[in-house]
């Protein structure tokens, strides 16, 4: 089965920008350290809009994605990340063709 990826767009409340960055960096570091089947997990900040972020993530397969969604630190970090948002997160899922 091919890899599963997502791209998520997050718009933060300006006063919560640094908190969102800090939480996302902690999440990224934990993903890299504890999820070997998470092939990519990166946070990007827009050059044109400092409150706009993209997360790009790729998992080896559906099982790796499901593991990510239920790992303890995900459950701890995602609720405060959501509280930093100015609007609902936009997320799209993709499959690798190679």
N, C-alpha and C. Protein backbone atom coordinates (compact mmCIF):
# COMPACT_ATOMS: atom_id res chain seq x y z
N UNK A 1 0.84 -1.18 0.00
CA UNK A 1 0.00 0.00 0.00
C UNK A 1 0.89 1.24 0.00
N UNK A 2 0.43 2.26 -0.67
CA UNK A 2 1.22 3.48 -0.79
C UNK A 2 1.16 4.31 0.48
N UNK A 3 2.10 5.24 0.59
CA UNK A 3 2.16 6.11 1.75
C UNK A 3 0.96 7.04 1.83
N UNK A 4 0.68 7.51 3.03
CA UNK A 4 -0.42 8.44 3.26
C UNK A 4 0.18 9.77 3.71
N UNK A 5 -0.25 10.84 3.08
CA UNK A 5 0.26 12.17 3.39
C UNK A 5 -0.89 13.12 3.65
N UNK A 6 -0.57 14.18 4.39
CA UNK A 6 -1.53 15.27 4.51
C UNK A 6 -0.80 16.60 4.48
N UNK A 7 -1.55 17.59 4.04
CA UNK A 7 -1.12 18.98 4.12
C UNK A 7 -2.21 19.70 4.89
N UNK A 8 -1.82 20.33 5.99
CA UNK A 8 -2.77 21.04 6.83
C UNK A 8 -2.42 22.52 6.83
N UNK A 9 -3.42 23.34 6.67
CA UNK A 9 -3.24 24.79 6.74
C UNK A 9 -3.80 25.29 8.06
N UNK A 10 -2.99 26.03 8.79
CA UNK A 10 -3.37 26.57 10.09
C UNK A 10 -3.19 28.07 10.09
N UNK A 11 -4.21 28.77 10.52
CA UNK A 11 -4.11 30.22 10.73
C UNK A 11 -4.23 30.46 12.23
N UNK A 12 -3.19 31.04 12.79
CA UNK A 12 -3.17 31.27 14.23
C UNK A 12 -3.68 32.66 14.59
N UNK A 13 -4.14 32.77 15.80
CA UNK A 13 -4.43 34.09 16.36
C UNK A 13 -3.08 34.77 16.53
N UNK A 14 -2.94 36.03 16.14
CA UNK A 14 -1.63 36.69 16.22
C UNK A 14 -0.99 36.60 17.60
N UNK A 15 -1.78 36.75 18.64
CA UNK A 15 -1.23 36.71 20.00
C UNK A 15 -0.85 35.29 20.43
N UNK A 16 -1.24 34.29 19.65
CA UNK A 16 -0.93 32.89 19.96
C UNK A 16 0.12 32.30 19.02
N UNK A 17 0.68 33.13 18.13
CA UNK A 17 1.61 32.65 17.11
C UNK A 17 2.79 31.89 17.72
N UNK A 18 3.47 32.48 18.68
CA UNK A 18 4.66 31.83 19.23
C UNK A 18 4.29 30.55 19.98
N UNK A 19 3.16 30.55 20.65
CA UNK A 19 2.71 29.34 21.33
C UNK A 19 2.46 28.22 20.32
N UNK A 20 1.80 28.56 19.21
CA UNK A 20 1.57 27.55 18.16
C UNK A 20 2.89 27.03 17.62
N UNK A 21 3.83 27.90 17.35
CA UNK A 21 5.14 27.48 16.84
C UNK A 21 5.81 26.54 17.84
N UNK A 22 5.81 26.92 19.10
CA UNK A 22 6.46 26.09 20.12
C UNK A 22 5.81 24.71 20.23
N UNK A 23 4.49 24.67 20.24
CA UNK A 23 3.78 23.39 20.33
C UNK A 23 4.03 22.53 19.10
N UNK A 24 4.01 23.15 17.93
CA UNK A 24 4.23 22.40 16.70
C UNK A 24 5.67 21.88 16.61
N UNK A 25 6.62 22.68 17.07
CA UNK A 25 8.01 22.21 17.07
C UNK A 25 8.18 21.02 18.02
N UNK A 26 7.52 21.07 19.18
CA UNK A 26 7.58 19.94 20.10
C UNK A 26 6.96 18.70 19.46
N UNK A 27 5.81 18.88 18.82
CA UNK A 27 5.16 17.76 18.14
C UNK A 27 6.05 17.20 17.04
N UNK A 28 6.62 18.07 16.21
CA UNK A 28 7.51 17.62 15.14
C UNK A 28 8.70 16.84 15.70
N UNK A 29 9.33 17.35 16.74
CA UNK A 29 10.49 16.68 17.32
C UNK A 29 10.13 15.31 17.87
N UNK A 30 8.97 15.20 18.52
CA UNK A 30 8.53 13.91 19.05
C UNK A 30 8.19 12.93 17.93
N UNK A 31 7.55 13.43 16.87
CA UNK A 31 7.25 12.57 15.71
C UNK A 31 8.55 12.03 15.15
N UNK A 32 9.53 12.90 14.93
CA UNK A 32 10.81 12.46 14.36
C UNK A 32 11.51 11.45 15.26
N UNK A 33 11.41 11.63 16.58
CA UNK A 33 12.11 10.77 17.52
C UNK A 33 11.40 9.44 17.77
N UNK A 34 10.07 9.43 17.73
CA UNK A 34 9.34 8.26 18.20
C UNK A 34 8.48 7.56 17.15
N UNK A 35 8.42 8.10 15.96
CA UNK A 35 7.58 7.49 14.92
C UNK A 35 8.42 7.21 13.68
N UNK A 36 9.11 6.07 13.65
CA UNK A 36 9.98 5.78 12.50
C UNK A 36 9.22 5.66 11.18
N UNK A 37 7.92 5.38 11.22
CA UNK A 37 7.15 5.28 9.99
C UNK A 37 6.50 6.60 9.58
N UNK A 38 6.84 7.66 10.29
CA UNK A 38 6.49 9.02 9.85
C UNK A 38 7.71 9.51 9.06
N UNK A 39 7.57 9.50 7.76
CA UNK A 39 8.72 9.80 6.90
C UNK A 39 9.00 11.29 6.82
N UNK A 40 7.96 12.08 6.90
CA UNK A 40 8.09 13.55 6.84
C UNK A 40 7.09 14.13 7.83
N UNK A 41 7.52 15.11 8.60
CA UNK A 41 6.62 15.92 9.42
C UNK A 41 7.29 17.27 9.60
N UNK A 42 6.81 18.26 8.88
CA UNK A 42 7.45 19.58 8.90
C UNK A 42 6.41 20.69 8.98
N UNK A 43 6.80 21.76 9.64
CA UNK A 43 5.98 22.95 9.79
C UNK A 43 6.61 24.07 8.95
N UNK A 44 5.77 24.76 8.19
CA UNK A 44 6.22 25.88 7.37
C UNK A 44 5.39 27.11 7.71
N UNK A 45 6.07 28.27 7.75
CA UNK A 45 5.40 29.54 8.00
C UNK A 45 5.46 30.37 6.73
N UNK A 46 4.36 31.01 6.38
CA UNK A 46 4.29 31.83 5.17
C UNK A 46 5.24 33.02 5.26
N UNK A 47 5.91 33.31 4.16
CA UNK A 47 6.74 34.52 4.06
C UNK A 47 5.88 35.78 4.04
N UNK A 48 4.65 35.65 3.51
CA UNK A 48 3.80 36.81 3.30
C UNK A 48 2.82 37.07 4.45
N UNK A 49 2.56 36.05 5.25
CA UNK A 49 1.57 36.16 6.31
C UNK A 49 2.08 35.37 7.53
N UNK A 50 2.62 36.04 8.54
CA UNK A 50 3.25 35.33 9.65
C UNK A 50 2.29 34.49 10.49
N UNK A 51 0.99 34.65 10.28
CA UNK A 51 0.01 33.86 11.03
C UNK A 51 -0.49 32.64 10.25
N UNK A 52 0.07 32.40 9.08
CA UNK A 52 -0.35 31.29 8.23
C UNK A 52 0.74 30.22 8.18
N UNK A 53 0.34 28.99 8.47
CA UNK A 53 1.28 27.86 8.53
C UNK A 53 0.76 26.69 7.70
N UNK A 54 1.69 25.88 7.23
CA UNK A 54 1.36 24.61 6.58
C UNK A 54 2.14 23.52 7.30
N UNK A 55 1.47 22.40 7.50
CA UNK A 55 2.13 21.20 7.99
C UNK A 55 2.09 20.20 6.86
N UNK A 56 3.23 19.61 6.56
CA UNK A 56 3.32 18.57 5.54
C UNK A 56 3.81 17.31 6.25
N UNK A 57 3.04 16.24 6.11
CA UNK A 57 3.39 14.98 6.77
C UNK A 57 3.18 13.82 5.81
N UNK A 58 4.09 12.86 5.88
CA UNK A 58 3.96 11.64 5.09
C UNK A 58 4.26 10.46 6.00
N UNK A 59 3.39 9.47 5.93
CA UNK A 59 3.50 8.25 6.72
C UNK A 59 3.67 7.07 5.78
N UNK A 60 4.40 6.07 6.23
CA UNK A 60 4.69 4.90 5.40
C UNK A 60 3.41 4.25 4.85
N UNK A 61 2.36 4.21 5.68
CA UNK A 61 1.11 3.57 5.28
C UNK A 61 -0.01 4.02 6.21
N UNK A 62 -1.20 3.50 5.99
CA UNK A 62 -2.35 3.88 6.81
C UNK A 62 -2.13 3.53 8.29
N UNK A 63 -1.51 2.39 8.55
CA UNK A 63 -1.27 1.98 9.93
C UNK A 63 -0.36 2.99 10.65
N UNK A 64 0.64 3.50 9.96
CA UNK A 64 1.54 4.49 10.56
C UNK A 64 0.79 5.79 10.84
N UNK A 65 -0.11 6.17 9.95
CA UNK A 65 -0.92 7.36 10.18
C UNK A 65 -1.84 7.16 11.39
N UNK A 66 -2.49 6.02 11.47
CA UNK A 66 -3.37 5.72 12.60
C UNK A 66 -2.58 5.71 13.92
N UNK A 67 -1.38 5.16 13.87
CA UNK A 67 -0.52 5.17 15.07
C UNK A 67 -0.25 6.62 15.49
N UNK A 68 0.07 7.47 14.54
CA UNK A 68 0.33 8.89 14.82
C UNK A 68 -0.89 9.55 15.48
N UNK A 69 -2.05 9.25 14.97
CA UNK A 69 -3.27 9.88 15.47
C UNK A 69 -3.61 9.46 16.91
N UNK A 70 -3.05 8.35 17.37
CA UNK A 70 -3.39 7.85 18.70
C UNK A 70 -2.21 7.79 19.67
N UNK A 71 -1.07 8.32 19.27
CA UNK A 71 0.09 8.30 20.17
C UNK A 71 -0.13 9.32 21.29
N UNK A 72 0.40 9.03 22.45
CA UNK A 72 0.09 9.85 23.64
C UNK A 72 0.42 11.33 23.47
N UNK A 73 1.55 11.66 22.89
CA UNK A 73 1.90 13.08 22.78
C UNK A 73 1.00 13.81 21.78
N UNK A 74 0.46 13.13 20.80
CA UNK A 74 -0.49 13.75 19.88
C UNK A 74 -1.73 14.20 20.66
N UNK A 75 -2.24 13.31 21.49
CA UNK A 75 -3.42 13.62 22.29
C UNK A 75 -3.17 14.76 23.28
N UNK A 76 -1.93 14.90 23.72
CA UNK A 76 -1.58 15.97 24.67
C UNK A 76 -1.38 17.32 23.97
N UNK A 77 -0.78 17.32 22.77
CA UNK A 77 -0.39 18.57 22.12
C UNK A 77 -1.44 19.15 21.18
N UNK A 78 -2.26 18.32 20.57
CA UNK A 78 -3.20 18.85 19.58
C UNK A 78 -4.27 19.76 20.18
N UNK A 79 -4.88 19.43 21.32
CA UNK A 79 -5.89 20.37 21.85
C UNK A 79 -5.36 21.80 22.09
N UNK A 80 -4.18 21.99 22.70
CA UNK A 80 -3.72 23.37 22.84
C UNK A 80 -3.34 24.01 21.50
N UNK A 81 -2.92 23.20 20.53
CA UNK A 81 -2.66 23.75 19.19
C UNK A 81 -3.96 24.28 18.60
N UNK A 82 -5.02 23.52 18.69
CA UNK A 82 -6.32 23.94 18.16
C UNK A 82 -6.79 25.22 18.85
N UNK A 83 -6.51 25.37 20.14
CA UNK A 83 -6.89 26.59 20.86
C UNK A 83 -6.16 27.83 20.34
N UNK A 84 -5.03 27.65 19.68
CA UNK A 84 -4.28 28.77 19.13
C UNK A 84 -4.84 29.26 17.80
N UNK A 85 -5.72 28.49 17.19
CA UNK A 85 -6.16 28.79 15.83
C UNK A 85 -7.24 29.86 15.78
N UNK A 86 -7.15 30.69 14.75
CA UNK A 86 -8.13 31.74 14.51
C UNK A 86 -9.31 31.21 13.69
N UNK A 87 -9.11 30.09 13.02
CA UNK A 87 -10.16 29.48 12.21
C UNK A 87 -9.90 27.99 12.14
N UNK A 88 -10.89 27.25 11.65
CA UNK A 88 -10.76 25.80 11.58
C UNK A 88 -9.61 25.41 10.65
N UNK A 89 -8.85 24.42 11.07
CA UNK A 89 -7.75 23.90 10.27
C UNK A 89 -8.30 23.31 8.98
N UNK A 90 -7.59 23.55 7.88
CA UNK A 90 -7.94 22.95 6.59
C UNK A 90 -6.94 21.82 6.35
N UNK A 91 -7.45 20.64 6.05
CA UNK A 91 -6.56 19.49 5.86
C UNK A 91 -6.99 18.72 4.62
N UNK A 92 -6.00 18.31 3.84
CA UNK A 92 -6.23 17.50 2.65
C UNK A 92 -5.28 16.30 2.70
N UNK A 93 -5.80 15.15 2.28
CA UNK A 93 -5.03 13.91 2.30
C UNK A 93 -4.62 13.51 0.90
N UNK A 94 -3.46 12.88 0.81
CA UNK A 94 -2.89 12.49 -0.48
C UNK A 94 -2.27 11.10 -0.37
N UNK A 95 -2.09 10.46 -1.54
CA UNK A 95 -1.39 9.17 -1.65
C UNK A 95 -0.18 9.35 -2.55
N UNK A 96 0.90 8.72 -2.17
CA UNK A 96 2.10 8.71 -2.98
C UNK A 96 1.86 7.82 -4.20
N UNK A 97 2.32 8.25 -5.34
CA UNK A 97 2.18 7.46 -6.56
C UNK A 97 3.47 6.74 -6.91
N UNK A 98 4.49 6.91 -6.09
CA UNK A 98 5.76 6.24 -6.39
C UNK A 98 6.13 5.27 -5.30
